[in-house]
Amino acid sequence: MVFNLEHIVASHSKAAKENLTVKQATDTIKLVLNGFTDTLKKEG
Protein backbone atom coordinates (compact mmCIF):
# COMPACT_ATOMS: atom_id res chain seq x y z
CA MET A 1 0.00 0.00 0.00
CA VAL A 2 1.31 3.42 -0.92
CA PHE A 3 0.53 6.34 1.37
CA ASN A 4 0.43 9.80 -0.07
CA LEU A 5 -0.74 13.22 1.01
CA GLU A 6 -4.36 12.38 0.13
CA HIS A 7 -4.34 9.46 2.58
CA ILE A 8 -2.92 11.63 5.34
CA VAL A 9 -5.45 14.42 4.73
CA ALA A 10 -8.29 11.87 4.69
CA SER A 11 -7.01 10.42 7.95
CA HIS A 12 -6.99 13.86 9.54
CA SER A 13 -10.53 14.50 8.31
CA LYS A 14 -11.69 11.20 9.79
CA ALA A 15 -9.86 12.05 13.02
CA ALA A 16 -11.82 15.29 13.26
CA LYS A 17 -15.05 13.33 12.98
CA GLU A 18 -13.85 10.95 15.71
CA ASN A 19 -12.91 13.85 18.02
CA LEU A 20 -9.18 13.15 17.82
CA THR A 21 -6.67 15.97 17.79
CA VAL A 22 -4.43 16.46 14.76
CA LYS A 23 -1.51 15.37 16.94
CA GLN A 24 -3.28 12.13 17.88
CA ALA A 25 -4.08 11.45 14.23
CA THR A 26 -0.52 12.25 13.17
CA ASP A 27 0.92 10.04 15.92
CA THR A 28 -1.34 7.18 14.81
CA ILE A 29 -0.25 7.55 11.18
CA LYS A 30 3.41 7.62 12.24
CA LEU A 31 2.91 4.52 14.36
CA VAL A 32 1.40 2.62 11.44
CA LEU A 33 4.05 3.78 8.96
CA ASN A 34 6.86 2.94 11.42
CA GLY A 35 5.37 -0.52 11.84
CA PHE A 36 5.39 -1.03 8.08
CA THR A 37 8.98 0.21 7.88
CA ASP A 38 10.15 -2.08 10.68
CA THR A 39 8.45 -5.08 9.08
CA LEU A 40 10.01 -4.34 5.70
CA LYS A 41 13.46 -4.01 7.29
CA LYS A 42 13.08 -7.36 9.09
CA GLU A 43 11.55 -9.28 6.18
CA GLY A 44 13.56 -7.51 3.50
PDB file of N, CA and C in Angstrom:
ATOM      1  N   MET A   1       0.839  -1.175   0.000  1.00  0.00           N
ATOM      2  CA  MET A   1       0.000   0.000   0.000  1.00  0.00           C
ATOM      3  C   MET A   1       0.885   1.239   0.000  1.00  0.00           C
ATOM      4  N   VAL A   2       0.557   2.178  -0.831  1.00  0.00           N
ATOM      5  CA  VAL A   2       1.312   3.420  -0.915  1.00  0.00           C
ATOM      6  C   VAL A   2       0.518   4.523  -0.231  1.00  0.00           C
ATOM      7  N   PHE A   3       1.166   5.223   0.695  1.00  0.00           N
ATOM      8  CA  PHE A   3       0.528   6.342   1.372  1.00  0.00           C
ATOM      9  C   PHE A   3       1.002   7.625   0.713  1.00  0.00           C
ATOM     10  N   ASN A   4       0.071   8.505   0.467  1.00  0.00           N
ATOM     11  CA  ASN A   4       0.426   9.800  -0.070  1.00  0.00           C
ATOM     12  C   ASN A   4      -0.303  10.878   0.713  1.00  0.00           C
ATOM     13  N   LEU A   5      -0.150  12.099   0.297  1.00  0.00           N
ATOM     14  CA  LEU A   5      -0.743  13.216   1.013  1.00  0.00           C
ATOM     15  C   LEU A   5      -2.255  13.081   1.118  1.00  0.00           C
ATOM     16  N   GLU A   6      -2.909  12.562   0.099  1.00  0.00           N
ATOM     17  CA  GLU A   6      -4.364  12.380   0.133  1.00  0.00           C
ATOM     18  C   GLU A   6      -4.780  11.465   1.282  1.00  0.00           C
ATOM     19  N   HIS A   7      -4.036  10.381   1.487  1.00  0.00           N
ATOM     20  CA  HIS A   7      -4.341   9.458   2.580  1.00  0.00           C
ATOM     21  C   HIS A   7      -4.206  10.152   3.935  1.00  0.00           C
ATOM     22  N   ILE A   8      -3.152  10.947   4.075  1.00  0.00           N
ATOM     23  CA  ILE A   8      -2.923  11.628   5.342  1.00  0.00           C
ATOM     24  C   ILE A   8      -4.013  12.661   5.603  1.00  0.00           C
ATOM     25  N   VAL A   9      -4.382  13.423   4.582  1.00  0.00           N
ATOM     26  CA  VAL A   9      -5.454  14.417   4.730  1.00  0.00           C
ATOM     27  C   VAL A   9      -6.769  13.722   5.069  1.00  0.00           C
ATOM     28  N   ALA A  10      -7.058  12.616   4.411  1.00  0.00           N
ATOM     29  CA  ALA A  10      -8.287  11.875   4.686  1.00  0.00           C
ATOM     30  C   ALA A  10      -8.280  11.351   6.118  1.00  0.00           C
ATOM     31  N   SER A  11      -7.127  10.907   6.579  1.00  0.00           N
ATOM     32  CA  SER A  11      -7.012  10.415   7.953  1.00  0.00           C
ATOM     33  C   SER A  11      -7.270  11.535   8.948  1.00  0.00           C
ATOM     34  N   HIS A  12      -6.764  12.716   8.652  1.00  0.00           N
ATOM     35  CA  HIS A  12      -6.987  13.857   9.541  1.00  0.00           C
ATOM     36  C   HIS A  12      -8.459  14.258   9.533  1.00  0.00           C
ATOM     37  N   SER A  13      -9.100  14.173   8.377  1.00  0.00           N
ATOM     38  CA  SER A  13     -10.527  14.496   8.309  1.00  0.00           C
ATOM     39  C   SER A  13     -11.336  13.503   9.129  1.00  0.00           C
ATOM     40  N   LYS A  14     -10.997  12.231   9.008  1.00  0.00           N
ATOM     41  CA  LYS A  14     -11.686  11.204   9.794  1.00  0.00           C
ATOM     42  C   LYS A  14     -11.424  11.421  11.276  1.00  0.00           C
ATOM     43  N   ALA A  15     -10.208  11.800  11.620  1.00  0.00           N
ATOM     44  CA  ALA A  15      -9.863  12.047  13.020  1.00  0.00           C
ATOM     45  C   ALA A  15     -10.738  13.159  13.592  1.00  0.00           C
ATOM     46  N   ALA A  16     -10.978  14.188  12.796  1.00  0.00           N
ATOM     47  CA  ALA A  16     -11.818  15.293  13.265  1.00  0.00           C
ATOM     48  C   ALA A  16     -13.225  14.792  13.576  1.00  0.00           C
ATOM     49  N   LYS A  17     -13.719  13.895  12.754  1.00  0.00           N
ATOM     50  CA  LYS A  17     -15.052  13.334  12.978  1.00  0.00           C
ATOM     51  C   LYS A  17     -15.079  12.448  14.227  1.00  0.00           C
ATOM     52  N   GLU A  18     -13.945  11.850  14.558  1.00  0.00           N
ATOM     53  CA  GLU A  18     -13.851  10.949  15.709  1.00  0.00           C
ATOM     54  C   GLU A  18     -13.397  11.680  16.967  1.00  0.00           C
ATOM     55  N   ASN A  19     -13.338  13.005  16.898  1.00  0.00           N
ATOM     56  CA  ASN A  19     -12.913  13.845  18.024  1.00  0.00           C
ATOM     57  C   ASN A  19     -11.475  13.576  18.463  1.00  0.00           C
ATOM     58  N   LEU A  20     -10.598  13.273  17.527  1.00  0.00           N
ATOM     59  CA  LEU A  20      -9.178  13.152  17.815  1.00  0.00           C
ATOM     60  C   LEU A  20      -8.503  14.473  17.459  1.00  0.00           C
ATOM     61  N   THR A  21      -7.427  14.784  18.150  1.00  0.00           N
ATOM     62  CA  THR A  21      -6.666  15.966  17.788  1.00  0.00           C
ATOM     63  C   THR A  21      -5.812  15.642  16.564  1.00  0.00           C
ATOM     64  N   VAL A  22      -5.319  16.678  15.909  1.00  0.00           N
ATOM     65  CA  VAL A  22      -4.432  16.461  14.761  1.00  0.00           C
ATOM     66  C   VAL A  22      -3.179  15.721  15.231  1.00  0.00           C
ATOM     67  N   LYS A  23      -2.689  16.063  16.422  1.00  0.00           N
ATOM     68  CA  LYS A  23      -1.510  15.370  16.941  1.00  0.00           C
ATOM     69  C   LYS A  23      -1.785  13.887  17.141  1.00  0.00           C
ATOM     70  N   GLN A  24      -2.941  13.547  17.689  1.00  0.00           N
ATOM     71  CA  GLN A  24      -3.284  12.133  17.882  1.00  0.00           C
ATOM     72  C   GLN A  24      -3.370  11.419  16.536  1.00  0.00           C
ATOM     73  N   ALA A  25      -3.980  12.061  15.557  1.00  0.00           N
ATOM     74  CA  ALA A  25      -4.085  11.455  14.228  1.00  0.00           C
ATOM     75  C   ALA A  25      -2.708  11.286  13.605  1.00  0.00           C
ATOM     76  N   THR A  26      -1.871  12.312  13.724  1.00  0.00           N
ATOM     77  CA  THR A  26      -0.520  12.247  13.169  1.00  0.00           C
ATOM     78  C   THR A  26       0.295  11.162  13.857  1.00  0.00           C
ATOM     79  N   ASP A  27       0.199  11.077  15.180  1.00  0.00           N
ATOM     80  CA  ASP A  27       0.922  10.041  15.918  1.00  0.00           C
ATOM     81  C   ASP A  27       0.475   8.645  15.496  1.00  0.00           C
ATOM     82  N   THR A  28      -0.823   8.477  15.258  1.00  0.00           N
ATOM     83  CA  THR A  28      -1.345   7.181  14.810  1.00  0.00           C
ATOM     84  C   THR A  28      -0.794   6.828  13.436  1.00  0.00           C
ATOM     85  N   ILE A  29      -0.783   7.787  12.528  1.00  0.00           N
ATOM     86  CA  ILE A  29      -0.247   7.553  11.176  1.00  0.00           C
ATOM     87  C   ILE A  29       1.224   7.187  11.264  1.00  0.00           C
ATOM     88  N   LYS A  30       1.983   7.920  12.081  1.00  0.00           N
ATOM     89  CA  LYS A  30       3.412   7.621  12.238  1.00  0.00           C
ATOM     90  C   LYS A  30       3.624   6.225  12.801  1.00  0.00           C
ATOM     91  N   LEU A  31       2.804   5.841  13.765  1.00  0.00           N
ATOM     92  CA  LEU A  31       2.912   4.516  14.364  1.00  0.00           C
ATOM     93  C   LEU A  31       2.712   3.427  13.313  1.00  0.00           C
ATOM     94  N   VAL A  32       1.691   3.598  12.489  1.00  0.00           N
ATOM     95  CA  VAL A  32       1.403   2.616  11.435  1.00  0.00           C
ATOM     96  C   VAL A  32       2.540   2.575  10.422  1.00  0.00           C
ATOM     97  N   LEU A  33       2.981   3.734   9.963  1.00  0.00           N
ATOM     98  CA  LEU A  33       4.053   3.776   8.964  1.00  0.00           C
ATOM     99  C   LEU A  33       5.354   3.220   9.525  1.00  0.00           C
ATOM    100  N   ASN A  34       5.655   3.508  10.800  1.00  0.00           N
ATOM    101  CA  ASN A  34       6.862   2.943  11.418  1.00  0.00           C
ATOM    102  C   ASN A  34       6.762   1.431  11.524  1.00  0.00           C
ATOM    103  N   GLY A  35       5.576   0.920  11.794  1.00  0.00           N
ATOM    104  CA  GLY A  35       5.374  -0.523  11.842  1.00  0.00           C
ATOM    105  C   GLY A  35       5.634  -1.163  10.490  1.00  0.00           C
ATOM    106  N   PHE A  36       5.134  -0.525   9.427  1.00  0.00           N
ATOM    107  CA  PHE A  36       5.390  -1.035   8.079  1.00  0.00           C
ATOM    108  C   PHE A  36       6.880  -1.015   7.777  1.00  0.00           C
ATOM    109  N   THR A  37       7.545   0.078   8.141  1.00  0.00           N
ATOM    110  CA  THR A  37       8.975   0.213   7.883  1.00  0.00           C
ATOM    111  C   THR A  37       9.763  -0.856   8.622  1.00  0.00           C
ATOM    112  N   ASP A  38       9.449  -1.063   9.897  1.00  0.00           N
ATOM    113  CA  ASP A  38      10.150  -2.082  10.680  1.00  0.00           C
ATOM    114  C   ASP A  38       9.953  -3.471  10.088  1.00  0.00           C
ATOM    115  N   THR A  39       8.743  -3.777   9.666  1.00  0.00           N
ATOM    116  CA  THR A  39       8.446  -5.077   9.075  1.00  0.00           C
ATOM    117  C   THR A  39       9.233  -5.274   7.781  1.00  0.00           C
ATOM    118  N   LEU A  40       9.271  -4.244   6.953  1.00  0.00           N
ATOM    119  CA  LEU A  40      10.015  -4.344   5.701  1.00  0.00           C
ATOM    120  C   LEU A  40      11.508  -4.534   5.952  1.00  0.00           C
ATOM    121  N   LYS A  41      12.035  -3.867   6.967  1.00  0.00           N
ATOM    122  CA  LYS A  41      13.456  -4.014   7.292  1.00  0.00           C
ATOM    123  C   LYS A  41      13.763  -5.442   7.749  1.00  0.00           C
ATOM    124  N   LYS A  42      12.849  -6.016   8.556  1.00  0.00           N
ATOM    125  CA  LYS A  42      13.080  -7.360   9.088  1.00  0.00           C
ATOM    126  C   LYS A  42      12.902  -8.425   8.021  1.00  0.00           C
ATOM    127  N   GLU A  43      11.882  -8.250   7.159  1.00  0.00           N
ATOM    128  CA  GLU A  43      11.553  -9.279   6.183  1.00  0.00           C
ATOM    129  C   GLU A  43      12.189  -9.015   4.819  1.00  0.00           C
ATOM    130  N   GLY A  44      12.790  -7.860   4.667  1.00  0.00           N
ATOM    131  CA  GLY A  44      13.558  -7.505   3.499  1.00  0.00           C
ATOM    132  C   GLY A  44      12.850  -7.374   2.247  1.00  0.00           C
TER     133      GLY A  44
END
